[in-house]
Protein backbone atom coordinates (compact mmCIF):
# COMPACT_ATOMS: atom_id res chain seq x y z
CA MET A 1 -12.24 1.59 38.16
CA MET A 2 -10.93 -1.70 36.73
CA GLN A 3 -13.89 -3.57 38.26
CA ARG A 4 -16.25 -1.36 36.23
CA VAL A 5 -14.46 -1.70 32.87
CA ARG A 6 -14.20 -4.96 30.96
CA VAL A 7 -12.22 -5.38 27.74
CA VAL A 8 -13.00 -8.57 25.81
CA GLY A 9 -10.39 -9.69 23.29
CA ALA A 10 -12.27 -12.19 21.14
CA ALA A 11 -10.14 -14.68 19.19
CA ALA A 12 -6.93 -13.19 20.59
CA ARG A 13 -3.71 -15.04 19.77
CA PRO A 14 -1.41 -14.60 22.78
CA VAL A 15 2.27 -13.74 22.36
CA PRO A 16 4.84 -14.95 24.91
CA SER A 17 5.81 -11.90 26.99
CA ARG A 18 9.52 -12.60 26.45
CA HIS A 19 9.05 -12.44 22.66
CA PHE A 20 7.04 -9.24 22.89
CA GLU A 21 9.67 -7.61 25.12
CA LEU A 22 12.54 -8.59 22.81
CA VAL A 23 10.74 -7.37 19.70
CA GLY A 24 9.68 -4.12 21.38
CA SER A 25 13.15 -3.47 22.73
CA ALA A 26 14.80 -4.11 19.35
CA LEU A 27 12.29 -1.80 17.69
CA LEU A 28 13.01 1.04 20.12
CA ARG A 29 16.79 0.49 20.11
CA ARG A 30 16.83 0.12 16.29
CA ARG A 31 18.53 -3.29 16.36
CA ARG A 32 18.04 -6.35 14.15
CA LEU A 33 16.34 -9.57 15.23
CA ARG A 34 17.00 -13.18 14.33
CA MET A 35 13.91 -15.34 14.53
CA ARG A 36 12.47 -18.70 13.68
CA TYR A 37 9.13 -17.97 12.03
CA LEU A 38 6.27 -20.34 11.23
CA THR A 39 4.46 -19.63 7.97
CA ARG A 40 1.18 -21.30 8.87
CA SER A 41 -0.27 -21.36 5.34
CA ARG A 42 2.57 -23.64 4.25
CA GLY A 43 3.28 -25.27 7.61
CA GLU A 44 6.95 -24.31 7.25
CA ALA A 45 9.34 -22.73 9.75
CA SER A 46 12.24 -20.61 8.50
CA GLU A 47 15.12 -18.62 9.94
CA ARG A 48 14.84 -14.88 9.34
CA GLU A 49 16.94 -11.85 10.11
CA VAL A 50 14.80 -8.73 10.19
CA SER A 51 15.01 -5.03 10.89
CA PRO A 52 11.91 -4.14 12.96
CA LEU A 53 10.06 -1.03 11.76
CA ARG A 54 6.62 -0.93 13.37
CA LEU A 55 4.37 -2.89 15.73
CA VAL A 56 0.72 -3.18 14.68
CA HIS A 57 -2.17 -4.33 16.88
CA TYR A 58 -5.01 -5.44 14.63
CA ARG A 59 -8.11 -7.43 15.60
CA SER A 60 -6.65 -8.66 18.89
CA THR A 61 -3.41 -9.79 17.23
CA TRP A 62 0.08 -8.25 17.24
CA TYR A 63 2.10 -7.95 14.02
CA LEU A 64 5.62 -6.74 13.25
CA ASP A 65 6.26 -4.78 10.08
CA ALA A 66 9.91 -5.31 9.23
CA TRP A 67 12.55 -5.38 6.55
CA CYS A 68 13.35 -9.05 5.89
CA HIS A 69 17.02 -9.41 4.99
CA ARG A 70 16.47 -12.89 3.51
CA SER A 71 13.89 -11.73 0.97
CA GLU A 72 15.25 -8.18 0.71
CA ALA A 73 11.74 -6.76 1.05
CA LEU A 74 9.19 -5.43 3.52
CA ARG A 75 7.26 -8.18 5.28
CA ARG A 76 4.59 -8.45 8.00
CA PHE A 77 5.01 -11.10 10.69
CA ALA A 78 2.42 -12.27 13.24
CA LEU A 79 4.13 -12.19 16.65
CA ASP A 80 2.33 -15.34 17.78
CA ALA A 81 3.96 -17.25 14.87
CA ILE A 82 7.48 -16.43 16.08
CA GLU A 83 8.82 -19.64 17.58
CA GLU A 84 12.20 -18.26 18.72
CA VAL A 85 13.64 -14.75 18.71
CA GLN A 86 17.02 -13.25 19.53
CA ALA A 87 18.11 -9.61 19.60
CA LEU A 88 21.25 -8.83 17.59
CA ALA A 89 23.83 -6.07 18.11
CA GLN A 90 23.70 -5.13 14.42
CA PRO A 91 21.83 -1.89 13.64
CA ALA A 92 18.49 -2.17 11.88
CA LYS A 93 18.17 -1.13 8.25
CA ALA A 94 16.61 2.32 7.96
CA VAL A 95 13.40 2.35 5.94
CA ALA A 96 11.28 5.48 5.58
CA MET A 97 7.91 5.19 7.34
CA LYS A 98 6.22 6.49 4.18
CA ALA A 99 7.50 3.39 2.36
CA VAL A 100 6.17 1.15 5.15
CA GLU A 101 2.77 2.86 5.04
CA ALA A 102 2.63 2.64 1.24
CA GLU A 103 3.32 -1.11 1.38
CA PHE A 104 1.01 -2.08 4.21
CA ASP A 105 -1.70 0.55 4.66
CA GLY A 106 -3.06 1.06 1.14
CA ALA A 107 -5.32 -1.98 0.89
CA TYR A 108 -8.07 -3.46 3.04
CA GLY A 109 -7.13 -5.70 5.95
CA ILE A 110 -3.88 -7.05 7.29
CA PHE A 111 -2.58 -8.50 4.02
CA SER A 112 0.07 -6.33 2.42
CA GLY A 113 0.18 -5.05 -1.10
CA LYS A 114 -0.80 -1.97 -3.01
CA ALA A 115 -4.53 -1.74 -3.59
CA ALA A 116 -5.26 -2.45 -7.22
CA LEU A 117 -9.00 -3.14 -7.04
CA TRP A 118 -12.10 -1.60 -5.50
CA ALA A 119 -14.88 -3.62 -3.92
CA THR A 120 -18.45 -2.37 -3.80
CA LEU A 121 -20.53 -3.85 -0.98
CA VAL A 122 -24.23 -3.15 -0.49
CA PHE A 123 -25.69 -3.72 2.99
CA ASP A 124 -29.41 -4.13 3.53
CA ALA A 125 -31.40 -1.62 5.57
CA GLY A 126 -31.43 -3.92 8.60
CA VAL A 127 -27.66 -3.68 9.24
CA ALA A 128 -26.95 -0.39 7.45
CA PRO A 129 -27.22 1.79 10.61
CA TRP A 130 -24.42 -0.21 12.26
CA VAL A 131 -22.18 -0.65 9.21
CA SER A 132 -22.45 3.06 8.38
CA LYS A 133 -20.63 3.82 11.66
CA GLU A 134 -17.74 1.46 10.88
CA VAL A 135 -14.43 2.43 9.30
CA TRP A 136 -13.34 -0.45 7.09
CA HIS A 137 -10.54 1.50 5.40
CA ALA A 138 -9.17 5.04 5.61
CA ASP A 139 -9.94 5.66 1.91
CA GLN A 140 -13.40 4.11 1.85
CA ARG A 141 -16.27 5.78 0.00
CA ALA A 142 -19.85 5.32 1.13
CA ARG A 143 -23.36 6.49 0.38
CA TRP A 144 -26.92 5.80 1.43
CA LEU A 145 -29.17 4.41 -1.27
CA ALA A 146 -32.74 5.62 -1.75
CA ASP A 147 -34.24 2.38 -0.37
CA GLY A 148 -32.32 2.57 2.92
CA ARG A 149 -29.46 0.30 1.90
CA TYR A 150 -25.85 1.37 2.44
CA GLU A 151 -23.16 1.14 -0.26
CA LEU A 152 -19.53 0.86 0.80
CA GLN A 153 -16.57 0.99 -1.59
CA LEU A 154 -13.05 0.14 -0.46
CA PRO A 155 -9.66 -0.65 -2.00
CA TYR A 156 -8.13 -4.11 -1.68
CA ALA A 157 -5.22 -6.13 -2.98
CA ASP A 158 -5.81 -9.57 -1.45
CA ASP A 159 -9.42 -10.71 -1.08
CA THR A 160 -8.85 -13.17 1.81
CA GLU A 161 -9.87 -10.98 4.73
CA LEU A 162 -12.45 -9.06 2.75
CA LEU A 163 -14.28 -12.29 1.90
CA MET A 164 -14.20 -13.35 5.56
CA ASP A 165 -15.83 -10.08 6.57
CA VAL A 166 -18.47 -10.37 3.86
CA LEU A 167 -19.27 -13.89 5.10
CA ARG A 168 -19.60 -12.51 8.63
CA HIS A 169 -22.51 -10.35 7.44
CA GLY A 170 -24.17 -13.29 5.68
CA GLU A 171 -27.41 -12.54 3.88
CA HIS A 172 -27.28 -8.86 4.89
CA VAL A 173 -24.61 -7.91 2.31
CA GLU A 174 -24.09 -8.32 -1.41
CA ILE A 175 -20.86 -7.83 -3.34
CA ALA A 176 -21.92 -5.61 -6.25
CA ALA A 177 -18.47 -5.40 -7.87
CA PRO A 178 -16.04 -6.50 -9.18
CA PRO A 179 -17.27 -9.69 -10.89
CA ASP A 180 -14.25 -11.75 -9.78
CA LEU A 181 -14.97 -10.94 -6.14
CA ARG A 182 -18.64 -11.90 -6.62
CA ALA A 183 -17.53 -15.22 -8.10
CA ALA A 184 -15.14 -15.81 -5.20
CA ILE A 185 -17.89 -15.32 -2.61
CA GLN A 186 -20.25 -17.57 -4.59
CA THR A 187 -17.63 -20.33 -4.47
CA ARG A 188 -17.13 -19.92 -0.73
CA LEU A 189 -20.85 -19.89 -0.04
CA ALA A 190 -21.36 -23.04 -2.11
CA ARG A 191 -18.60 -24.81 -0.20
CA ALA A 192 -20.09 -23.72 3.12
CA ALA A 193 -23.58 -24.81 2.09
CA ALA A 194 -22.23 -28.22 1.06
CA HIS A 195 -21.40 -28.90 4.73
CA TYR A 196 -25.10 -28.66 5.54
CA ALA A 197 -26.53 -30.52 2.54
CA LEU A 198 -29.11 -33.18 3.48
């Protein structure tokens, strides 16, 4: 059977098996973790003590949703950015799963935050049949337009991942609203085009 099935994990970021086992064990045993975590956007490593709440596998990458005792707030950590991890005997802080879902699942993509804005994307008729079968967000709204285009509306809080996905569709998609999101994609497209200027 395994010779007839192939799973391709594009752009996967591997996690050391020892780290995955320690995190998974602490999650199931409801114990805290101490870890050295690299925040890549700032290039800084920090020591954290966390109460693991949920493991998330998203786009070939593993994340840990946890209560961070340093910041006294819910945080999401990429497992591949954990440089060192140690299981502690101390019990994990109890946080209701509804609170975890409200913090992390309300907006588009992996970035946390409560959705405050709605994006309206319009896909041309050439890609609409494929995009119409995709679930971008649990609360998305969609409709077919009279000319064969497909309109998709979805909530977001942070535009980082949303802009990356719009860029992936290139000339086949237009951001119809809001204006700030349109301006953000125009800026990104201009920067990208500058790399290819003659």
